N, C-alpha and C. Protein backbone atom coordinates (compact mmCIF):
# COMPACT_ATOMS: atom_id res chain seq x y z
N MET A 1 -41.38 -23.46 3.92
CA MET A 1 -40.63 -24.67 3.62
C MET A 1 -41.05 -25.23 2.27
N ARG A 2 -42.33 -25.18 1.98
CA ARG A 2 -42.85 -25.75 0.75
C ARG A 2 -42.35 -24.98 -0.47
N THR A 3 -42.32 -23.65 -0.41
CA THR A 3 -41.86 -22.86 -1.55
C THR A 3 -40.37 -23.04 -1.78
N GLY A 4 -39.60 -23.24 -0.73
CA GLY A 4 -38.17 -23.49 -0.90
C GLY A 4 -37.91 -24.77 -1.68
N ARG A 5 -38.67 -25.80 -1.37
CA ARG A 5 -38.54 -27.08 -2.09
C ARG A 5 -38.95 -26.92 -3.55
N ALA A 6 -40.05 -26.20 -3.79
CA ALA A 6 -40.51 -25.98 -5.16
C ALA A 6 -39.47 -25.18 -5.94
N PHE A 7 -38.84 -24.22 -5.29
CA PHE A 7 -37.81 -23.43 -5.95
C PHE A 7 -36.61 -24.30 -6.33
N LEU A 8 -36.18 -25.17 -5.42
CA LEU A 8 -35.06 -26.06 -5.71
C LEU A 8 -35.39 -27.03 -6.85
N ILE A 9 -36.61 -27.54 -6.87
CA ILE A 9 -37.02 -28.43 -7.96
C ILE A 9 -37.02 -27.66 -9.27
N GLY A 10 -37.48 -26.42 -9.24
CA GLY A 10 -37.47 -25.59 -10.45
C GLY A 10 -36.06 -25.33 -10.96
N VAL A 11 -35.14 -25.08 -10.04
CA VAL A 11 -33.74 -24.86 -10.43
C VAL A 11 -33.17 -26.14 -11.04
N ALA A 12 -33.48 -27.29 -10.44
CA ALA A 12 -32.99 -28.57 -10.95
C ALA A 12 -33.54 -28.84 -12.35
N VAL A 13 -34.83 -28.59 -12.55
CA VAL A 13 -35.44 -28.80 -13.88
C VAL A 13 -34.80 -27.86 -14.89
N LEU A 14 -34.57 -26.63 -14.51
CA LEU A 14 -33.93 -25.68 -15.42
C LEU A 14 -32.52 -26.13 -15.78
N GLY A 15 -31.77 -26.59 -14.78
CA GLY A 15 -30.41 -27.07 -15.04
C GLY A 15 -30.39 -28.27 -15.97
N TRP A 16 -31.28 -29.23 -15.73
CA TRP A 16 -31.34 -30.41 -16.62
C TRP A 16 -31.79 -30.01 -18.02
N SER A 17 -32.68 -29.03 -18.13
CA SER A 17 -33.13 -28.56 -19.45
C SER A 17 -31.98 -27.93 -20.21
N VAL A 18 -31.17 -27.14 -19.53
CA VAL A 18 -30.01 -26.52 -20.18
C VAL A 18 -29.01 -27.59 -20.61
N ALA A 19 -28.78 -28.58 -19.75
CA ALA A 19 -27.85 -29.66 -20.09
C ALA A 19 -28.36 -30.47 -21.28
N ALA A 20 -29.67 -30.74 -21.32
CA ALA A 20 -30.24 -31.49 -22.44
C ALA A 20 -30.15 -30.67 -23.73
N ALA A 21 -30.41 -29.37 -23.65
CA ALA A 21 -30.32 -28.53 -24.84
C ALA A 21 -28.88 -28.48 -25.35
N LEU A 22 -27.91 -28.39 -24.44
CA LEU A 22 -26.50 -28.39 -24.83
C LEU A 22 -26.12 -29.71 -25.49
N ALA A 23 -26.60 -30.82 -24.92
CA ALA A 23 -26.30 -32.13 -25.50
C ALA A 23 -26.90 -32.27 -26.90
N LEU A 24 -28.13 -31.83 -27.06
CA LEU A 24 -28.76 -31.90 -28.39
C LEU A 24 -28.03 -31.01 -29.40
N TRP A 25 -27.63 -29.82 -28.95
CA TRP A 25 -26.92 -28.92 -29.84
C TRP A 25 -25.58 -29.52 -30.27
N LEU A 26 -24.86 -30.12 -29.31
CA LEU A 26 -23.58 -30.76 -29.63
C LEU A 26 -23.78 -31.91 -30.63
N ALA A 27 -24.79 -32.72 -30.39
CA ALA A 27 -25.04 -33.85 -31.29
C ALA A 27 -25.47 -33.35 -32.68
N TYR A 28 -26.22 -32.27 -32.73
CA TYR A 28 -26.66 -31.73 -34.02
C TYR A 28 -25.50 -31.11 -34.78
N ARG A 29 -24.69 -30.31 -34.09
CA ARG A 29 -23.61 -29.59 -34.77
C ARG A 29 -22.40 -30.48 -35.09
N LEU A 30 -22.08 -31.40 -34.21
CA LEU A 30 -20.87 -32.19 -34.39
C LEU A 30 -21.15 -33.64 -34.79
N GLY A 31 -22.40 -34.03 -34.83
CA GLY A 31 -22.75 -35.39 -35.24
C GLY A 31 -22.27 -36.42 -34.24
N LEU A 32 -21.70 -37.50 -34.74
CA LEU A 32 -21.25 -38.58 -33.87
C LEU A 32 -20.11 -38.15 -32.96
N PHE A 33 -19.30 -37.20 -33.39
CA PHE A 33 -18.23 -36.69 -32.53
C PHE A 33 -18.83 -36.03 -31.30
N GLY A 34 -19.96 -35.31 -31.46
CA GLY A 34 -20.65 -34.69 -30.33
C GLY A 34 -21.20 -35.73 -29.37
N VAL A 35 -21.71 -36.85 -29.90
CA VAL A 35 -22.18 -37.93 -29.05
C VAL A 35 -21.01 -38.50 -28.25
N GLY A 36 -19.85 -38.62 -28.90
CA GLY A 36 -18.65 -39.09 -28.20
C GLY A 36 -18.23 -38.13 -27.09
N LEU A 37 -18.33 -36.82 -27.35
CA LEU A 37 -17.98 -35.83 -26.31
C LEU A 37 -18.93 -35.91 -25.13
N ILE A 38 -20.22 -36.10 -25.41
CA ILE A 38 -21.20 -36.26 -24.33
C ILE A 38 -20.86 -37.51 -23.52
N GLY A 39 -20.46 -38.57 -24.20
CA GLY A 39 -20.07 -39.80 -23.51
C GLY A 39 -18.85 -39.59 -22.62
N VAL A 40 -17.87 -38.86 -23.12
CA VAL A 40 -16.68 -38.58 -22.30
C VAL A 40 -17.06 -37.77 -21.07
N ALA A 41 -17.97 -36.80 -21.23
CA ALA A 41 -18.41 -36.00 -20.08
C ALA A 41 -19.12 -36.86 -19.05
N LEU A 42 -20.02 -37.76 -19.49
CA LEU A 42 -20.71 -38.65 -18.57
C LEU A 42 -19.73 -39.59 -17.88
N TRP A 43 -18.78 -40.09 -18.64
CA TRP A 43 -17.76 -40.99 -18.10
C TRP A 43 -16.97 -40.29 -17.00
N PHE A 44 -16.57 -39.04 -17.25
CA PHE A 44 -15.82 -38.25 -16.28
C PHE A 44 -16.64 -38.01 -15.01
N ILE A 45 -17.89 -37.60 -15.18
CA ILE A 45 -18.74 -37.31 -14.02
C ILE A 45 -18.99 -38.57 -13.21
N GLY A 46 -19.27 -39.68 -13.88
CA GLY A 46 -19.49 -40.94 -13.16
C GLY A 46 -18.27 -41.38 -12.38
N THR A 47 -17.10 -41.20 -12.96
CA THR A 47 -15.86 -41.57 -12.27
C THR A 47 -15.62 -40.67 -11.06
N ARG A 48 -15.86 -39.38 -11.21
CA ARG A 48 -15.69 -38.45 -10.08
C ARG A 48 -16.65 -38.78 -8.94
N LEU A 49 -17.89 -39.14 -9.28
CA LEU A 49 -18.85 -39.50 -8.24
C LEU A 49 -18.43 -40.76 -7.50
N GLU A 50 -17.88 -41.72 -8.22
CA GLU A 50 -17.39 -42.93 -7.56
C GLU A 50 -16.22 -42.63 -6.63
N LEU A 51 -15.35 -41.74 -7.04
CA LEU A 51 -14.19 -41.41 -6.21
C LEU A 51 -14.57 -40.61 -4.97
N GLU A 52 -15.62 -39.79 -5.08
CA GLU A 52 -15.99 -38.91 -3.98
C GLU A 52 -17.20 -39.42 -3.22
N LYS A 53 -17.45 -40.70 -3.22
CA LYS A 53 -18.66 -41.25 -2.61
C LYS A 53 -18.69 -41.10 -1.09
N GLU A 54 -17.55 -40.96 -0.47
CA GLU A 54 -17.49 -40.91 1.00
C GLU A 54 -17.81 -39.53 1.57
N GLY A 55 -17.87 -38.51 0.75
CA GLY A 55 -18.19 -37.18 1.26
C GLY A 55 -17.38 -36.11 0.56
N ALA A 56 -17.32 -34.97 1.19
CA ALA A 56 -16.64 -33.83 0.60
C ALA A 56 -15.15 -34.12 0.45
N VAL A 57 -14.61 -33.60 -0.63
CA VAL A 57 -13.18 -33.75 -0.89
C VAL A 57 -12.57 -32.35 -0.80
N GLY A 58 -11.60 -32.22 0.06
CA GLY A 58 -10.96 -30.93 0.25
C GLY A 58 -9.51 -30.96 -0.15
N HIS A 59 -8.85 -29.89 0.09
CA HIS A 59 -7.43 -29.76 -0.21
C HIS A 59 -6.64 -30.43 0.90
N GLU A 60 -5.42 -30.81 0.60
CA GLU A 60 -4.58 -31.47 1.61
C GLU A 60 -4.24 -30.55 2.78
N LEU A 61 -4.42 -29.26 2.60
CA LEU A 61 -4.13 -28.32 3.67
C LEU A 61 -5.31 -28.15 4.62
N THR A 62 -6.44 -28.83 4.34
CA THR A 62 -7.61 -28.72 5.21
C THR A 62 -7.96 -30.08 5.81
N PRO A 63 -7.09 -30.64 6.64
CA PRO A 63 -7.40 -31.94 7.23
C PRO A 63 -8.54 -31.86 8.24
N GLY A 64 -8.88 -30.67 8.69
CA GLY A 64 -9.98 -30.51 9.63
C GLY A 64 -11.31 -30.94 9.03
N LEU A 65 -11.46 -30.77 7.73
CA LEU A 65 -12.69 -31.18 7.05
C LEU A 65 -12.87 -32.69 7.15
N PHE A 66 -11.80 -33.42 6.89
CA PHE A 66 -11.87 -34.88 6.99
C PHE A 66 -12.10 -35.33 8.43
N ALA A 67 -11.45 -34.66 9.37
CA ALA A 67 -11.62 -35.00 10.78
C ALA A 67 -13.06 -34.78 11.23
N GLN A 68 -13.68 -33.70 10.77
CA GLN A 68 -15.07 -33.44 11.11
C GLN A 68 -15.99 -34.51 10.54
N GLN A 69 -15.73 -34.95 9.31
CA GLN A 69 -16.56 -35.99 8.70
C GLN A 69 -16.44 -37.30 9.48
N ILE A 70 -15.24 -37.68 9.82
CA ILE A 70 -15.03 -38.94 10.55
C ILE A 70 -15.65 -38.85 11.94
N LYS A 71 -15.50 -37.72 12.60
CA LYS A 71 -16.07 -37.54 13.93
C LYS A 71 -17.60 -37.62 13.87
N ALA A 72 -18.19 -36.99 12.87
CA ALA A 72 -19.65 -37.03 12.71
C ALA A 72 -20.13 -38.45 12.44
N GLN A 73 -19.38 -39.21 11.65
CA GLN A 73 -19.78 -40.59 11.37
C GLN A 73 -19.65 -41.47 12.60
N GLN A 74 -18.67 -41.21 13.43
CA GLN A 74 -18.49 -42.01 14.64
C GLN A 74 -19.57 -41.72 15.67
N GLN A 75 -20.14 -40.53 15.65
CA GLN A 75 -21.16 -40.15 16.61
C GLN A 75 -22.56 -40.58 16.17
N MET A 76 -22.69 -41.14 14.98
CA MET A 76 -24.00 -41.56 14.48
C MET A 76 -24.44 -42.85 15.18
N SER A 77 -25.76 -43.01 15.24
CA SER A 77 -26.29 -44.26 15.76
C SER A 77 -26.17 -45.35 14.69
N ARG A 78 -26.45 -46.59 15.08
CA ARG A 78 -26.32 -47.70 14.12
C ARG A 78 -27.28 -47.53 12.96
N SER A 79 -28.50 -47.07 13.24
CA SER A 79 -29.48 -46.91 12.16
C SER A 79 -29.07 -45.78 11.22
N GLU A 80 -28.49 -44.71 11.76
CA GLU A 80 -28.03 -43.61 10.91
C GLU A 80 -26.87 -44.07 10.03
N ARG A 81 -25.96 -44.88 10.59
CA ARG A 81 -24.85 -45.40 9.79
C ARG A 81 -25.35 -46.33 8.70
N ALA A 82 -26.36 -47.14 9.02
CA ALA A 82 -26.93 -48.04 8.02
C ALA A 82 -27.60 -47.24 6.90
N ALA A 83 -28.30 -46.18 7.25
CA ALA A 83 -28.93 -45.33 6.24
C ALA A 83 -27.86 -44.65 5.37
N LEU A 84 -26.77 -44.24 5.98
CA LEU A 84 -25.68 -43.62 5.23
C LEU A 84 -25.03 -44.62 4.28
N ARG A 85 -24.84 -45.86 4.73
CA ARG A 85 -24.30 -46.90 3.85
C ARG A 85 -25.22 -47.18 2.68
N ASP A 86 -26.54 -47.21 2.94
CA ASP A 86 -27.50 -47.42 1.86
C ASP A 86 -27.45 -46.28 0.84
N GLU A 87 -27.33 -45.06 1.36
CA GLU A 87 -27.24 -43.91 0.47
C GLU A 87 -25.96 -43.97 -0.37
N HIS A 88 -24.85 -44.36 0.24
CA HIS A 88 -23.60 -44.48 -0.49
C HIS A 88 -23.69 -45.57 -1.56
N SER A 89 -24.35 -46.68 -1.24
CA SER A 89 -24.46 -47.75 -2.22
C SER A 89 -25.33 -47.32 -3.40
N LEU A 90 -26.37 -46.52 -3.14
CA LEU A 90 -27.20 -46.00 -4.23
C LEU A 90 -26.39 -45.06 -5.12
N VAL A 91 -25.60 -44.19 -4.51
CA VAL A 91 -24.76 -43.27 -5.27
C VAL A 91 -23.76 -44.04 -6.13
N VAL A 92 -23.17 -45.08 -5.57
CA VAL A 92 -22.19 -45.87 -6.32
C VAL A 92 -22.85 -46.58 -7.50
N ARG A 93 -24.04 -47.14 -7.27
CA ARG A 93 -24.75 -47.82 -8.38
C ARG A 93 -25.10 -46.85 -9.49
N LEU A 94 -25.62 -45.67 -9.12
CA LEU A 94 -25.98 -44.67 -10.14
C LEU A 94 -24.74 -44.17 -10.87
N ALA A 95 -23.67 -43.92 -10.13
CA ALA A 95 -22.44 -43.45 -10.75
C ALA A 95 -21.89 -44.50 -11.71
N ARG A 96 -21.94 -45.76 -11.31
CA ARG A 96 -21.45 -46.83 -12.18
C ARG A 96 -22.31 -46.94 -13.44
N PHE A 97 -23.64 -46.79 -13.30
CA PHE A 97 -24.52 -46.83 -14.47
C PHE A 97 -24.18 -45.72 -15.45
N PHE A 98 -24.04 -44.49 -14.94
CA PHE A 98 -23.74 -43.37 -15.83
C PHE A 98 -22.32 -43.46 -16.40
N LYS A 99 -21.41 -44.05 -15.64
CA LYS A 99 -20.06 -44.24 -16.17
C LYS A 99 -20.11 -45.22 -17.34
N TYR A 100 -20.83 -46.33 -17.19
CA TYR A 100 -20.95 -47.29 -18.29
C TYR A 100 -21.72 -46.70 -19.47
N LEU A 101 -22.73 -45.88 -19.19
CA LEU A 101 -23.45 -45.20 -20.28
C LEU A 101 -22.49 -44.27 -21.03
N GLY A 102 -21.65 -43.56 -20.29
CA GLY A 102 -20.66 -42.69 -20.92
C GLY A 102 -19.66 -43.46 -21.76
N ILE A 103 -19.22 -44.62 -21.26
CA ILE A 103 -18.29 -45.44 -22.03
C ILE A 103 -18.95 -45.90 -23.32
N GLY A 104 -20.22 -46.31 -23.23
CA GLY A 104 -20.95 -46.74 -24.42
C GLY A 104 -21.14 -45.62 -25.43
N LEU A 105 -21.54 -44.44 -24.95
CA LEU A 105 -21.72 -43.30 -25.86
C LEU A 105 -20.39 -42.89 -26.49
N THR A 106 -19.32 -42.96 -25.72
CA THR A 106 -18.01 -42.62 -26.27
C THR A 106 -17.63 -43.60 -27.37
N ALA A 107 -17.82 -44.88 -27.12
CA ALA A 107 -17.48 -45.89 -28.12
C ALA A 107 -18.33 -45.72 -29.38
N ILE A 108 -19.63 -45.50 -29.22
CA ILE A 108 -20.51 -45.33 -30.37
C ILE A 108 -20.17 -44.05 -31.13
N GLY A 109 -20.03 -42.96 -30.38
CA GLY A 109 -19.79 -41.67 -31.03
C GLY A 109 -18.45 -41.59 -31.72
N LEU A 110 -17.39 -41.90 -31.00
CA LEU A 110 -16.05 -41.77 -31.60
C LEU A 110 -15.79 -42.88 -32.62
N GLY A 111 -16.32 -44.10 -32.35
CA GLY A 111 -16.19 -45.16 -33.32
C GLY A 111 -16.92 -44.84 -34.62
N GLY A 112 -18.13 -44.33 -34.51
CA GLY A 112 -18.87 -43.93 -35.69
C GLY A 112 -18.22 -42.77 -36.41
N PHE A 113 -17.69 -41.83 -35.67
CA PHE A 113 -17.01 -40.68 -36.28
C PHE A 113 -15.80 -41.16 -37.10
N ILE A 114 -15.01 -42.05 -36.50
CA ILE A 114 -13.83 -42.57 -37.21
C ILE A 114 -14.27 -43.38 -38.43
N LEU A 115 -15.30 -44.19 -38.28
CA LEU A 115 -15.79 -45.03 -39.37
C LEU A 115 -16.25 -44.18 -40.56
N PHE A 116 -17.01 -43.12 -40.28
CA PHE A 116 -17.53 -42.29 -41.36
C PHE A 116 -16.50 -41.32 -41.92
N GLN A 117 -15.43 -41.08 -41.20
CA GLN A 117 -14.38 -40.17 -41.70
C GLN A 117 -13.40 -40.91 -42.61
N LEU A 118 -13.35 -42.22 -42.51
CA LEU A 118 -12.42 -42.98 -43.34
C LEU A 118 -13.07 -43.30 -44.61
């Protein structure tokens, strides 16, 4: 069990390292326009997380997925539902923070790009 957790942490660190390297490369190669692109990506991800806060999102042809989620939530105890609500509120707060960070980076990056191009 311990090595599985260490492996997952290693994969997460590697993924964040690749994302950081890509962001730095974009900012270096494209300047303020790259910062704006990073902002748009953060804005998009934050918005998607806010929209999908209730659980998995499936295709309209798979209503069984939604039924299973609702059934599982109804079978939870009060403490489990409270923990789930707390988890959802944390996800919403983090998503909102990153969405606002993305909006700010977009404004700075694209605004600066336009300012320096004129």
